[in-house]
Amino acid sequence: MYQLFIGNKNYSSWSLRPWLLATQLNIPFEEQLVPFDEGGSWNIFRKFSPTGLVPCLVDGETTVWDSLAIAEYLYESFPSVWPQDRQARAWARSAAAEMHSGFFALRNQCSMNCGVTVALREVDAALQKDLDRVEELWLQGLKRFGGPYLAGSAFTAVDAFFAPVTIRLRGYQLSLGEEAMGYCERILALPGMQDWIADALREVWRESAHDAELEMFGTIVEDRRG
């Protein structure tokens, strides 16, 4: 059985992607949660991950690091990871890769945190540009492939890659148009997302560097963490 090494569920957007993908598609795996260490996680994570980062998938003697590489590895055994239709699959891979390598303002100003609500001091031009592009992509996928998911009727990897954005939209009180927010709510309501968020709220670990990022751009108005 696969072993999926992840970091704290409250903070680790990268870990959420393959975890949610495997969970929603009923791909069996053993969760190996290794908390971030305040003194530095690299040496700890290097015991199972060549980069010292999470997520990391171990399949017997095969180790796959990076969330996009994990999705592609799972696809070889589970074709439902990507859409069956070739055009939808090409679009989904492109959109997931764009999320994987871009949206820096959204990442930096709205760091992943499942358990807090934050009032941002402002939505600057860079952040608004990222939000506009998220909405553009979501509407493009929903309209072109018919929904309710981004590449058609089934949940696939592209939805998993944008799942952390839905947590950010809710946590930072950001709003897109009605259709895009409807998609956001559908993803947040998935059983896998509900389980991930519930686990995140029960975590007792705190990571000061991540929490400090919140104070750089806004004010915590609600903290639901245990």
Protein backbone atom coordinates (compact mmCIF):
# COMPACT_ATOMS: atom_id res chain seq x y z
CA MET A 1 0.00 0.00 0.00
CA TYR A 2 1.13 3.53 -0.70
CA GLN A 3 2.49 5.58 2.16
CA LEU A 4 1.71 9.28 1.82
CA PHE A 5 3.89 11.53 3.96
CA ILE A 6 2.29 14.88 4.72
CA GLY A 7 2.80 17.85 7.03
CA ASN A 8 0.41 19.51 9.44
CA LYS A 9 -3.07 19.54 7.92
CA ASN A 10 -3.69 23.05 9.20
CA TYR A 11 -0.85 24.53 7.18
CA SER A 12 0.22 22.19 4.40
CA SER A 13 -1.60 23.09 1.19
CA TRP A 14 0.83 21.00 -0.84
CA SER A 15 0.01 17.93 1.26
CA LEU A 16 -3.73 18.45 0.89
CA ARG A 17 -3.63 17.97 -2.87
CA PRO A 18 -2.55 14.31 -3.17
CA TRP A 19 -4.28 13.42 0.11
CA LEU A 20 -7.62 14.74 -1.13
CA LEU A 21 -7.10 13.23 -4.57
CA ALA A 22 -6.47 9.76 -3.18
CA THR A 23 -9.23 10.09 -0.59
CA GLN A 24 -11.92 11.22 -3.03
CA LEU A 25 -10.98 8.58 -5.61
CA ASN A 26 -10.81 5.79 -3.00
CA ILE A 27 -7.15 5.11 -3.73
CA PRO A 28 -5.88 3.17 -0.71
CA PHE A 29 -2.96 4.70 1.19
CA GLU A 30 -1.49 4.95 4.67
CA GLU A 31 -1.28 8.49 5.99
CA GLN A 32 2.07 9.37 7.54
CA LEU A 33 1.70 12.80 9.16
CA VAL A 34 5.01 14.33 10.26
CA PRO A 35 4.55 17.72 11.97
CA PHE A 36 6.66 20.71 11.05
CA ASP A 37 9.45 21.30 13.55
CA GLU A 38 10.02 24.80 14.90
CA GLY A 39 13.75 24.15 14.79
CA GLY A 40 13.61 23.20 11.11
CA SER A 41 11.96 20.26 9.40
CA TRP A 42 14.44 19.59 6.61
CA ASN A 43 16.56 17.00 8.41
CA ILE A 44 13.47 15.24 9.72
CA PHE A 45 11.71 15.15 6.36
CA ARG A 46 14.89 14.06 4.59
CA LYS A 47 14.46 10.66 6.22
CA PHE A 48 11.66 9.92 3.76
CA SER A 49 11.78 12.74 1.19
CA PRO A 50 14.76 13.46 -1.08
CA THR A 51 13.97 17.19 -1.02
CA GLY A 52 13.21 17.40 2.68
CA LEU A 53 9.72 18.59 1.75
CA VAL A 54 6.19 17.19 1.84
CA PRO A 55 4.20 15.61 0.34
CA CYS A 56 6.07 12.48 -0.55
CA LEU A 57 4.65 9.16 -1.74
CA VAL A 58 6.41 5.89 -1.01
CA ASP A 59 5.40 2.81 -2.98
CA GLY A 60 7.65 -0.03 -1.91
CA GLU A 61 11.09 0.83 -3.25
CA THR A 62 9.74 3.75 -5.30
CA THR A 63 9.68 7.25 -3.83
CA VAL A 64 7.78 10.04 -5.57
CA TRP A 65 8.12 13.59 -4.33
CA ASP A 66 6.24 16.74 -5.39
CA SER A 67 2.44 16.84 -5.55
CA LEU A 68 2.23 17.02 -9.34
CA ALA A 69 4.59 14.08 -9.78
CA ILE A 70 2.51 12.11 -7.26
CA ALA A 71 -0.64 12.79 -9.27
CA GLU A 72 1.02 11.56 -12.45
CA TYR A 73 2.36 8.46 -10.70
CA LEU A 74 -1.09 7.59 -9.35
CA TYR A 75 -2.58 8.14 -12.82
CA GLU A 76 -0.55 5.24 -14.18
CA SER A 77 -2.51 2.86 -11.93
CA PHE A 78 -5.71 4.86 -11.50
CA PRO A 79 -6.79 6.55 -14.78
CA SER A 80 -9.59 8.43 -13.00
CA VAL A 81 -6.93 10.79 -11.59
CA TRP A 82 -7.25 12.81 -14.83
CA PRO A 83 -10.30 13.18 -17.10
CA GLN A 84 -10.92 10.44 -19.62
CA ASP A 85 -11.52 12.88 -22.48
CA ARG A 86 -8.23 13.90 -24.10
CA GLN A 87 -9.08 17.60 -24.46
CA ALA A 88 -10.39 17.82 -20.91
CA ARG A 89 -7.28 16.03 -19.70
CA ALA A 90 -4.99 18.46 -21.50
CA TRP A 91 -6.85 21.45 -20.04
CA ALA A 92 -6.88 19.95 -16.56
CA ARG A 93 -3.16 19.25 -16.62
CA SER A 94 -2.44 22.77 -17.84
CA ALA A 95 -4.62 24.39 -15.17
CA ALA A 96 -3.13 22.21 -12.42
CA ALA A 97 0.40 23.02 -13.59
CA GLU A 98 -0.42 26.75 -13.58
CA MET A 99 -1.65 26.45 -10.01
CA HIS A 100 1.39 24.43 -9.10
CA SER A 101 3.87 27.03 -10.36
CA GLY A 102 2.07 30.35 -10.05
CA PHE A 103 -0.33 32.49 -8.03
CA PHE A 104 2.47 33.85 -5.84
CA ALA A 105 0.51 36.78 -4.39
CA LEU A 106 -2.32 34.48 -3.33
CA ARG A 107 0.15 32.06 -1.73
CA ASN A 108 2.21 34.74 0.01
CA GLN A 109 -0.55 37.00 1.25
CA CYS A 110 -3.08 34.28 2.10
CA SER A 111 -1.06 31.43 3.55
CA MET A 112 -2.87 28.17 4.20
CA ASN A 113 -4.57 27.97 7.59
CA CYS A 114 -7.70 25.89 8.01
CA GLY A 115 -8.61 27.14 11.47
CA VAL A 116 -8.69 30.93 11.30
CA THR A 117 -10.66 33.74 9.74
CA VAL A 118 -8.51 36.70 8.73
CA ALA A 119 -9.43 40.26 7.83
CA LEU A 120 -6.95 41.40 5.19
CA ARG A 121 -5.74 44.98 5.37
CA GLU A 122 -6.14 45.28 1.62
CA VAL A 123 -6.51 43.33 -1.58
CA ASP A 124 -3.69 44.79 -3.63
CA ALA A 125 -3.32 44.66 -7.40
CA ALA A 126 -1.19 41.50 -7.39
CA LEU A 127 -3.62 39.58 -5.22
CA GLN A 128 -6.61 40.78 -7.25
CA LYS A 129 -4.87 39.67 -10.44
CA ASP A 130 -4.48 36.16 -8.99
CA LEU A 131 -8.10 36.07 -7.86
CA ASP A 132 -9.27 37.19 -11.29
CA ARG A 133 -7.22 34.45 -12.93
CA VAL A 134 -8.58 31.81 -10.54
CA GLU A 135 -12.12 32.83 -11.45
CA GLU A 136 -11.29 32.91 -15.15
CA LEU A 137 -9.91 29.37 -15.02
CA TRP A 138 -12.76 28.01 -12.94
CA LEU A 139 -15.44 29.46 -15.20
CA GLN A 140 -13.60 28.30 -18.29
CA GLY A 141 -13.48 24.72 -17.03
CA LEU A 142 -17.03 24.66 -15.71
CA LYS A 143 -18.53 26.08 -18.92
CA ARG A 144 -16.39 24.13 -21.35
CA PHE A 145 -16.75 20.72 -19.72
CA GLY A 146 -20.17 21.08 -18.11
CA GLY A 147 -19.33 20.83 -14.41
CA PRO A 148 -19.95 20.36 -11.60
CA TYR A 149 -16.17 19.90 -11.38
CA LEU A 150 -13.55 21.80 -13.31
CA ALA A 151 -13.00 19.21 -16.03
CA GLY A 152 -16.42 17.63 -16.15
CA SER A 153 -18.75 15.46 -14.11
CA ALA A 154 -16.05 13.76 -12.02
CA PHE A 155 -13.61 15.02 -9.42
CA THR A 156 -10.07 14.83 -10.77
CA ALA A 157 -6.58 16.06 -9.96
CA VAL A 158 -7.25 19.60 -11.19
CA ASP A 159 -9.92 19.97 -8.49
CA ALA A 160 -7.49 18.67 -5.89
CA PHE A 161 -4.88 21.21 -6.96
CA PHE A 162 -7.29 24.11 -6.50
CA ALA A 163 -8.75 22.77 -3.24
CA PRO A 164 -6.40 24.86 -1.05
CA VAL A 165 -7.68 27.97 -2.83
CA THR A 166 -11.19 27.26 -1.53
CA ILE A 167 -9.86 27.21 2.04
CA ARG A 168 -8.08 30.50 1.41
CA LEU A 169 -11.19 32.13 -0.08
CA ARG A 170 -13.23 31.26 2.99
CA GLY A 171 -10.52 31.94 5.56
CA TYR A 172 -9.55 35.34 4.17
CA GLN A 173 -13.14 36.35 3.39
CA LEU A 174 -12.43 36.69 -0.33
CA SER A 175 -15.23 36.55 -2.85
CA LEU A 176 -15.48 35.66 -6.52
CA GLY A 177 -18.57 35.67 -8.71
CA GLU A 178 -21.61 33.54 -7.94
CA GLU A 179 -20.73 30.60 -10.19
CA ALA A 180 -17.13 30.43 -8.99
CA MET A 181 -18.20 30.65 -5.35
CA GLY A 182 -20.71 27.87 -5.97
CA TYR A 183 -17.84 25.67 -7.14
CA CYS A 184 -15.83 26.74 -4.09
CA GLU A 185 -18.62 25.61 -1.76
CA ARG A 186 -18.95 22.27 -3.58
CA ILE A 187 -15.28 21.52 -3.00
CA LEU A 188 -15.43 22.59 0.64
CA ALA A 189 -18.43 20.27 1.14
CA LEU A 190 -16.63 17.16 -0.16
CA PRO A 191 -16.32 14.46 2.50
CA GLY A 192 -12.54 14.42 2.08
CA MET A 193 -12.31 18.18 2.59
CA GLN A 194 -14.56 18.01 5.63
CA ASP A 195 -12.36 15.28 7.13
CA TRP A 196 -9.14 17.20 6.40
CA ILE A 197 -10.45 20.41 7.96
CA ALA A 198 -11.81 18.60 11.01
CA ASP A 199 -8.43 16.95 11.56
CA ALA A 200 -6.70 20.32 11.10
CA LEU A 201 -8.87 21.93 13.77
CA ARG A 202 -7.96 19.17 16.23
CA GLU A 203 -4.21 19.61 15.76
CA VAL A 204 -2.34 20.96 18.78
CA TRP A 205 0.80 21.96 16.89
CA ARG A 206 1.56 25.58 16.13
CA GLU A 207 4.12 26.74 13.59
CA SER A 208 5.21 30.27 14.45
CA ALA A 209 6.59 31.12 11.01
CA HIS A 210 3.30 30.24 9.34
CA ASP A 211 1.27 32.07 11.98
CA ALA A 212 3.47 35.14 11.64
CA GLU A 213 2.61 35.33 7.95
CA LEU A 214 -1.02 35.96 8.90
CA GLU A 215 -0.09 39.06 10.87
CA MET A 216 1.89 40.49 7.96
CA PHE A 217 -1.18 40.97 5.80
CA GLY A 218 -4.17 41.00 8.14
CA THR A 219 -5.72 40.44 11.53
CA ILE A 220 -7.13 37.18 12.90
CA VAL A 221 -10.77 37.77 13.73
CA GLU A 222 -11.62 34.15 14.64
CA ASP A 223 -9.45 31.22 15.69
CA ARG A 224 -11.23 27.86 15.66
CA ARG A 225 -8.17 25.69 16.30
CA GLY A 226 -8.15 23.31 19.25
